[in-house]
């Protein structure tokens, strides 16, 4: 038996997990492989496995293909004992390739930008009191933005009005509506003045691109090629490179929703916010993406949205405040929670006091209201 036959058989057993069950089957298998090898010798450039033990993944994958290519050359009588092994080996090859693809996919996504806004979204929406924010979801402005592409909805509000909570509710609503529609994609950003150094215009665009790409089953070729161009040099993609890739990816969807929270906290130095906004508007104009942004009433920002968007002011809604307080009354002293009249008096006092700001205070602060009453 030749060395090549030994290597191939051993490799079949190792990769497939199926061992020859009897001496007769081993002999038949060896004979079949030797005959196949003799036939394969007539082919120019017949494969020669040369990988050693502890060989790299690509070597194992290459040998797997050699095994699969070799087995069909065995005659029908000799092939039957190997049919199960061949299928198992192919499954092993497929799994190896899948792992390689997954590793490359993760590497590309992390290379685009390591920031992930999903944990923030999960944290914000977990704090939502059931039913809050429904006023916005039912509004004519939101429904018009939802049902027509290439629309912009600007949602300004005073500090503490609940803009970030409303943003998380909108993101959650979009994912719920379109969770079974692969032609629709959603990307969102939570700007934070404490993270301005990692939220420059290039970073924000990269975040949008990453979210749109990771929803796809296969990594788009233009993003893979962008990664390959920079990988060996260990460089980052430029603003223009990301913009070009982003336009291409957005154009591949029937609808794309882009949500930006706290635009006022976006980097101002070096014209960062202005550049990001200009690119967002250009992306919308060229691809028909739907854009929604929240912000404080900053004149410079408000002016950017004038004439190009619908305006929907965010203000703590009395019904939302009522629901929130109802859900937290149990945290107050027992003499309050047991007295319906006192509970209503406390809630009324708090709602009047907040003046359009969302309740973010602690129950201990509510106790002060009880004392005042």
Protein backbone atom coordinates (compact mmCIF):
# COMPACT_ATOMS: atom_id res chain seq x y z
CA UNK A 1 0.00 0.00 0.00
CA UNK A 2 1.44 3.36 -0.96
CA UNK A 3 2.10 6.17 1.46
CA UNK A 4 -0.49 8.26 -0.31
CA UNK A 5 -3.20 5.67 0.28
CA UNK A 6 -2.32 5.51 3.96
CA UNK A 7 -2.49 9.26 4.35
CA UNK A 8 -5.80 9.50 2.54
CA UNK A 9 -7.45 6.72 4.54
CA UNK A 10 -6.17 8.07 7.83
CA UNK A 11 -7.41 11.49 6.89
CA UNK A 12 -10.86 10.11 6.02
CA UNK A 13 -11.11 8.50 9.45
CA UNK A 14 -9.90 11.62 11.26
CA UNK A 15 -12.09 14.18 9.45
CA UNK A 16 -15.24 12.09 9.02
CA UNK A 17 -15.20 10.43 12.42
CA UNK A 18 -16.08 7.11 10.71
CA UNK A 19 -13.61 4.25 11.11
CA UNK A 20 -13.42 1.10 8.94
CA UNK A 21 -15.50 -1.47 10.80
CA UNK A 22 -13.80 -4.74 9.73
CA UNK A 23 -10.60 -6.12 8.27
CA UNK A 24 -12.44 -7.07 5.08
CA UNK A 25 -13.82 -3.57 4.70
CA UNK A 26 -10.37 -2.13 5.35
CA UNK A 27 -8.89 -4.36 2.65
CA UNK A 28 -11.63 -3.46 0.21
CA UNK A 29 -11.22 0.19 1.05
CA UNK A 30 -7.46 0.08 0.58
CA UNK A 31 -7.85 -1.79 -2.72
CA UNK A 32 -10.39 0.73 -3.96
CA UNK A 33 -8.18 3.64 -3.06
CA UNK A 34 -5.12 2.04 -4.71
CA UNK A 35 -7.09 1.49 -7.90
CA UNK A 36 -8.33 5.02 -7.71
CA UNK A 37 -4.78 6.21 -7.20
CA UNK A 38 -3.54 4.29 -10.23
CA UNK A 39 -6.28 5.89 -12.28
CA UNK A 40 -5.59 9.28 -10.79
CA UNK A 41 -1.91 8.94 -11.80
CA UNK A 42 -2.99 9.29 -15.41
CA UNK A 43 -4.30 12.75 -14.67
CA UNK A 44 -1.91 15.61 -14.99
CA UNK A 45 -1.16 17.35 -11.73
CA UNK A 46 -2.76 14.65 -9.55
CA UNK A 47 -3.06 16.06 -6.00
CA UNK A 48 -0.29 15.19 -3.58
CA UNK A 49 -1.08 15.75 0.07
CA UNK A 50 1.92 17.22 1.79
CA UNK A 51 0.57 18.75 4.96
CA UNK A 52 2.07 17.61 8.22
CA UNK A 53 0.46 16.93 11.54
CA UNK A 54 -0.64 20.13 13.33
CA UNK A 55 -1.10 21.62 9.89
CA UNK A 56 -2.98 24.91 9.36
CA UNK A 57 -6.69 24.94 8.65
CA UNK A 58 -6.30 25.64 4.94
CA UNK A 59 -4.16 22.49 4.55
CA UNK A 60 -6.81 20.34 6.20
CA UNK A 61 -9.44 21.89 3.98
CA UNK A 62 -7.33 21.25 0.86
CA UNK A 63 -6.78 17.60 1.78
CA UNK A 64 -10.51 17.19 2.37
CA UNK A 65 -11.16 18.28 -1.20
CA UNK A 66 -8.52 15.86 -2.44
CA UNK A 67 -10.25 13.00 -0.63
CA UNK A 68 -13.65 13.95 -2.04
CA UNK A 69 -12.21 14.33 -5.54
CA UNK A 70 -10.49 10.92 -5.31
CA UNK A 71 -13.38 8.81 -4.07
CA UNK A 72 -15.69 9.14 -7.12
CA UNK A 73 -12.96 7.64 -9.33
CA UNK A 74 -13.38 4.29 -7.56
CA UNK A 75 -15.55 1.76 -9.42
CA UNK A 76 -19.16 1.27 -8.34
CA UNK A 77 -18.43 -1.92 -6.40
CA UNK A 78 -15.58 -0.32 -4.52
CA UNK A 79 -17.38 2.99 -3.94
CA UNK A 80 -20.28 1.63 -1.90
CA UNK A 81 -18.28 0.95 1.31
CA UNK A 82 -17.05 4.53 1.18
CA UNK A 83 -20.34 6.36 0.51
CA UNK A 84 -20.98 7.05 4.19
CA UNK A 85 -17.38 8.13 4.71
CA UNK A 86 -17.50 10.42 1.69
CA UNK A 87 -20.65 12.17 2.93
CA UNK A 88 -19.27 12.54 6.43
CA UNK A 89 -16.03 13.95 5.05
CA UNK A 90 -17.94 16.46 2.96
CA UNK A 91 -19.85 17.54 6.05
CA UNK A 92 -16.52 18.05 7.81
CA UNK A 93 -15.27 20.21 4.94
CA UNK A 94 -18.45 22.26 4.99
CA UNK A 95 -18.11 22.85 8.72
CA UNK A 96 -14.50 23.93 8.33
CA UNK A 97 -15.46 26.38 5.61
CA UNK A 98 -18.32 27.71 7.71
CA UNK A 99 -15.98 28.33 10.63
CA UNK A 100 -13.55 30.11 8.33
CA UNK A 101 -16.36 32.29 6.95
CA UNK A 102 -17.64 33.10 10.45
CA UNK A 103 -14.17 34.05 11.64
CA UNK A 104 -13.61 36.30 8.64
CA UNK A 105 -17.05 37.85 9.10
CA UNK A 106 -16.35 38.72 12.74
CA UNK A 107 -12.94 40.10 11.82
CA UNK A 108 -14.43 42.40 9.16
CA UNK A 109 -17.23 43.66 11.40
CA UNK A 110 -14.83 44.39 14.27
CA UNK A 111 -12.45 46.05 11.83
CA UNK A 112 -15.19 48.40 10.61
CA UNK A 113 -15.80 49.51 14.18
CA UNK A 114 -15.86 47.67 17.51
CA UNK A 115 -18.71 49.78 18.94
CA UNK A 116 -22.03 47.97 19.27
CA UNK A 117 -25.17 49.92 20.14
CA UNK A 118 -27.33 46.83 20.66
CA UNK A 119 -26.55 46.53 24.41
CA UNK A 120 -27.62 50.16 24.90
CA UNK A 121 -30.82 49.54 22.98
CA UNK A 122 -31.57 46.49 25.15
CA UNK A 123 -30.87 48.46 28.32
CA UNK A 124 -33.06 51.41 27.35
CA UNK A 125 -36.03 49.38 26.15
CA UNK A 126 -35.91 47.18 29.27
CA UNK A 127 -36.70 50.26 31.35
CA UNK A 128 -39.79 51.10 29.34
CA UNK A 129 -43.05 51.07 31.21
CA UNK A 130 -45.58 49.16 29.11
CA UNK A 131 -47.65 51.47 26.92
CA UNK A 132 -45.38 54.51 27.16
CA UNK A 133 -44.44 56.23 23.92
CA UNK A 134 -47.58 55.01 22.21
CA UNK A 135 -48.63 58.59 21.59
CA UNK A 136 -45.68 59.01 19.23
CA UNK A 137 -46.21 55.67 17.45
CA UNK A 138 -49.84 56.65 16.85
CA UNK A 139 -49.04 60.18 15.66
CA UNK A 140 -49.72 61.23 12.07
CA UNK A 141 -46.12 62.42 11.71
CA UNK A 142 -44.63 59.08 12.66
CA UNK A 143 -47.06 57.09 10.51
CA UNK A 144 -46.31 59.26 7.48
CA UNK A 145 -42.56 58.79 8.03
CA UNK A 146 -43.07 55.07 8.46
CA UNK A 147 -45.13 54.56 5.31
CA UNK A 148 -43.20 56.71 2.83
CA UNK A 149 -39.56 56.35 1.87
CA UNK A 150 -37.12 59.25 1.59
CA UNK A 151 -38.76 61.09 4.51
CA UNK A 152 -37.14 62.83 7.47
CA UNK A 153 -38.66 63.19 10.93
CA UNK A 154 -36.98 65.59 13.33
CA UNK A 155 -37.88 65.16 17.02
CA UNK A 156 -36.46 67.92 19.23
CA UNK A 157 -37.07 68.14 22.96
CA UNK A 158 -35.89 69.81 26.14
CA UNK A 159 -33.31 68.05 28.34
CA UNK A 160 -34.97 65.24 30.29
CA UNK A 161 -37.98 65.02 27.97
CA UNK A 162 -37.27 61.33 27.30
CA UNK A 163 -35.76 61.60 23.81
CA UNK A 164 -33.50 58.56 24.27
CA UNK A 165 -36.34 56.45 25.65
CA UNK A 166 -38.51 57.48 22.71
CA UNK A 167 -35.68 56.55 20.34
CA UNK A 168 -35.44 53.06 21.85
CA UNK A 169 -39.22 52.67 21.50
CA UNK A 170 -39.02 53.65 17.82
CA UNK A 171 -36.16 51.21 17.17
CA UNK A 172 -38.09 48.44 18.92
CA UNK A 173 -41.24 49.24 16.93
CA UNK A 174 -39.36 49.08 13.62
CA UNK A 175 -37.74 45.75 14.44
CA UNK A 176 -41.12 44.34 15.48
CA UNK A 177 -42.82 45.52 12.30
CA UNK A 178 -40.17 44.33 9.86
CA UNK A 179 -38.62 41.34 11.66
CA UNK A 180 -39.73 38.96 8.88
CA UNK A 181 -38.87 41.23 5.96
CA UNK A 182 -35.28 40.76 4.80
CA UNK A 183 -35.64 43.60 2.28
CA UNK A 184 -35.91 46.14 5.11
CA UNK A 185 -32.97 47.11 7.31
CA UNK A 186 -32.59 49.31 10.38
CA UNK A 187 -29.53 51.10 11.76
CA UNK A 188 -29.33 53.41 14.76
CA UNK A 189 -26.85 55.48 16.72
CA UNK A 190 -26.91 56.74 20.31
CA UNK A 191 -24.68 59.80 20.42
CA UNK A 192 -23.08 60.58 23.76
CA UNK A 193 -20.97 63.62 24.59
CA UNK A 194 -18.78 61.42 26.83
CA UNK A 195 -17.84 59.26 23.83
CA UNK A 196 -17.14 61.96 21.25
CA UNK A 197 -13.63 60.67 20.60
CA UNK A 198 -15.06 57.40 19.32
CA UNK A 199 -18.00 59.01 17.56
CA UNK A 200 -16.31 61.02 14.87
CA UNK A 201 -18.04 61.25 11.46
CA UNK A 202 -16.10 58.27 10.07
CA UNK A 203 -16.99 56.20 13.15
CA UNK A 204 -20.68 57.05 12.90
CA UNK A 205 -20.82 56.09 9.23
CA UNK A 206 -18.94 52.89 9.97
CA UNK A 207 -21.49 52.05 12.67
CA UNK A 208 -24.32 52.42 10.18
CA UNK A 209 -22.48 50.29 7.63
CA UNK A 210 -21.69 47.58 10.20
CA UNK A 211 -25.32 47.26 11.28
CA UNK A 212 -26.63 47.04 7.72
CA UNK A 213 -23.98 44.49 6.72
CA UNK A 214 -24.34 42.19 9.74
CA UNK A 215 -28.00 41.59 8.90
CA UNK A 216 -27.02 40.01 5.59
CA UNK A 217 -26.43 36.29 5.23
CA UNK A 218 -23.17 36.76 3.31
CA UNK A 219 -20.57 39.46 3.61
CA UNK A 220 -20.93 41.82 0.60
CA UNK A 221 -18.01 41.65 -1.82
CA UNK A 222 -17.37 45.40 -1.80
CA UNK A 223 -16.95 45.34 2.00
CA UNK A 224 -14.69 42.27 1.82
CA UNK A 225 -12.51 43.90 -0.83
CA UNK A 226 -12.30 47.07 1.27
CA UNK A 227 -11.13 44.96 4.20
CA UNK A 228 -8.56 43.12 2.05
CA UNK A 229 -7.08 46.41 0.81
CA UNK A 230 -6.41 47.57 4.37
CA UNK A 231 -5.79 44.30 6.21
CA UNK A 232 -2.10 43.80 5.49
CA UNK A 233 -1.31 47.48 6.01
CA UNK A 234 -3.35 47.52 9.23
CA UNK A 235 -5.00 50.75 8.18
CA UNK A 236 -8.54 52.04 8.66
CA UNK A 237 -11.00 52.88 5.86
CA UNK A 238 -11.41 56.54 5.01
CA UNK A 239 -14.61 58.56 5.29
CA UNK A 240 -15.08 58.45 1.51
CA UNK A 241 -14.48 54.68 1.33
CA UNK A 242 -17.06 53.99 4.00
CA UNK A 243 -19.49 56.41 2.38
CA UNK A 244 -19.18 54.65 -0.97
CA UNK A 245 -19.72 51.23 0.58
CA UNK A 246 -22.65 52.50 2.65
CA UNK A 247 -24.41 53.95 -0.40
CA UNK A 248 -24.02 50.62 -2.19
CA UNK A 249 -25.38 48.56 0.73
CA UNK A 250 -28.36 50.86 1.37
CA UNK A 251 -29.29 50.76 -2.31
CA UNK A 252 -29.61 46.98 -2.06
CA UNK A 253 -32.57 47.18 0.35
CA UNK A 254 -36.15 48.15 -0.47
CA UNK A 255 -36.31 50.27 2.70
CA UNK A 256 -33.68 51.45 5.17
CA UNK A 257 -34.44 53.30 8.40
CA UNK A 258 -31.68 55.34 10.05
CA UNK A 259 -32.26 56.66 13.57
CA UNK A 260 -29.89 59.08 15.29
CA UNK A 261 -30.41 59.92 18.96
CA UNK A 262 -29.02 63.01 20.71
CA UNK A 263 -27.58 64.65 17.63
CA UNK A 264 -26.70 67.63 19.84
CA UNK A 265 -24.14 65.40 21.61
CA UNK A 266 -22.37 64.54 18.36
CA UNK A 267 -18.83 65.90 17.95
CA UNK A 268 -18.86 69.60 17.05
CA UNK A 269 -15.10 70.24 16.71
CA UNK A 270 -13.60 70.17 13.22
CA UNK A 271 -17.10 70.37 11.76
CA UNK A 272 -17.78 66.74 12.70
CA UNK A 273 -21.52 67.04 13.28
CA UNK A 274 -22.04 69.15 10.17
CA UNK A 275 -20.12 66.67 8.02
CA UNK A 276 -22.05 63.69 9.38
CA UNK A 277 -25.39 65.42 8.86
CA UNK A 278 -24.48 66.44 5.31
CA UNK A 279 -23.52 62.84 4.48
CA UNK A 280 -26.75 61.53 6.04
CA UNK A 281 -28.86 63.88 3.94
CA UNK A 282 -26.91 62.96 0.81
CA UNK A 283 -27.38 59.26 1.54
CA UNK A 284 -31.10 59.82 1.89
CA UNK A 285 -31.33 61.83 -1.34
CA UNK A 286 -29.47 59.17 -3.36
CA UNK A 287 -30.99 56.01 -1.88
CA UNK A 288 -34.38 56.98 -0.46
CA UNK A 289 -33.47 56.04 3.12
CA UNK A 290 -35.80 57.18 5.92
CA UNK A 291 -34.07 59.39 8.49
CA UNK A 292 -35.14 60.22 12.06
CA UNK A 293 -33.16 62.30 14.54
CA UNK A 294 -33.63 63.60 18.07
CA UNK A 295 -31.88 66.60 19.59
CA UNK A 296 -32.18 69.43 22.04
CA UNK A 297 -33.35 72.74 20.61
CA UNK A 298 -29.97 73.82 19.22
CA UNK A 299 -30.55 76.60 16.62
CA UNK A 300 -27.75 75.33 14.36
CA UNK A 301 -29.28 71.83 14.28
CA UNK A 302 -32.90 72.99 14.00
CA UNK A 303 -31.93 75.10 10.98
CA UNK A 304 -30.40 72.08 9.22
CA UNK A 305 -33.76 70.29 9.30
CA UNK A 306 -35.90 73.25 8.27
CA UNK A 307 -37.58 72.73 4.91
CA UNK A 308 -36.49 69.09 4.62
CA UNK A 309 -38.33 67.32 7.44
CA UNK A 310 -41.49 66.99 9.50
CA UNK A 311 -41.25 68.27 13.06
CA UNK A 312 -42.52 66.28 16.05
CA UNK A 313 -41.64 67.72 19.45
CA UNK A 314 -40.89 65.30 22.25
CA UNK A 315 -42.35 66.23 25.59
CA UNK A 316 -43.17 64.06 28.58
CA UNK A 317 -46.73 62.96 27.93
CA UNK A 318 -49.16 63.00 30.88
CA UNK A 319 -50.40 59.51 30.03
CA UNK A 320 -46.81 58.23 29.92
CA UNK A 321 -46.04 59.85 33.26
CA UNK A 322 -49.20 58.32 34.74
CA UNK A 323 -48.19 54.84 33.53
CA UNK A 324 -44.65 55.26 34.78
CA UNK A 325 -45.77 56.37 38.22
CA UNK A 326 -48.38 53.62 38.45
CA UNK A 327 -45.62 51.10 37.77
CA UNK A 328 -43.41 52.47 40.55
CA UNK A 329 -45.87 53.33 43.32
CA UNK A 330 -44.97 50.14 45.14
CA UNK A 331 -41.53 51.59 45.85
CA UNK A 332 -43.01 54.34 48.02
CA UNK A 333 -43.67 53.91 51.75
CA UNK A 334 -46.48 51.50 52.56
CA UNK A 335 -48.72 54.22 54.04
CA UNK A 336 -48.79 55.81 50.56
CA UNK A 337 -49.24 52.65 48.50
CA UNK A 338 -52.20 51.57 50.69
CA UNK A 339 -54.03 54.89 50.36
CA UNK A 340 -55.57 55.49 46.91
CA UNK A 341 -56.32 59.16 47.54
CA UNK A 342 -52.78 59.82 48.72
CA UNK A 343 -51.34 57.94 45.71
CA UNK A 344 -53.36 60.11 43.32
CA UNK A 345 -52.31 63.26 45.16
CA UNK A 346 -48.64 62.28 44.92
CA UNK A 347 -48.92 61.46 41.21
CA UNK A 348 -50.70 64.73 40.48
CA UNK A 349 -48.06 66.73 42.32
CA UNK A 350 -45.21 65.01 40.46
CA UNK A 351 -46.83 65.41 37.03
CA UNK A 352 -47.38 69.12 37.62
CA UNK A 353 -43.85 69.56 38.90
CA UNK A 354 -41.95 67.91 36.06
CA UNK A 355 -43.28 70.33 33.42
CA UNK A 356 -42.72 68.22 30.33
CA UNK A 357 -39.67 66.36 31.59
CA UNK A 358 -39.63 62.59 31.76
CA UNK A 359 -39.51 61.05 35.22
CA UNK A 360 -36.03 59.77 35.95
CA UNK A 361 -36.04 60.46 39.68
CA UNK A 362 -35.73 57.83 42.38
CA UNK A 363 -38.48 56.78 44.81
CA UNK A 364 -36.57 58.46 47.63
CA UNK A 365 -37.01 61.77 45.80
CA UNK A 366 -40.71 61.04 45.45
CA UNK A 367 -40.86 60.71 49.21
CA UNK A 368 -39.93 64.37 49.42
CA UNK A 369 -43.09 65.12 47.44
CA UNK A 370 -45.07 63.19 50.02
CA UNK A 371 -43.56 65.21 52.81
CA UNK A 372 -44.37 68.47 51.02
CA UNK A 373 -47.97 67.45 50.61
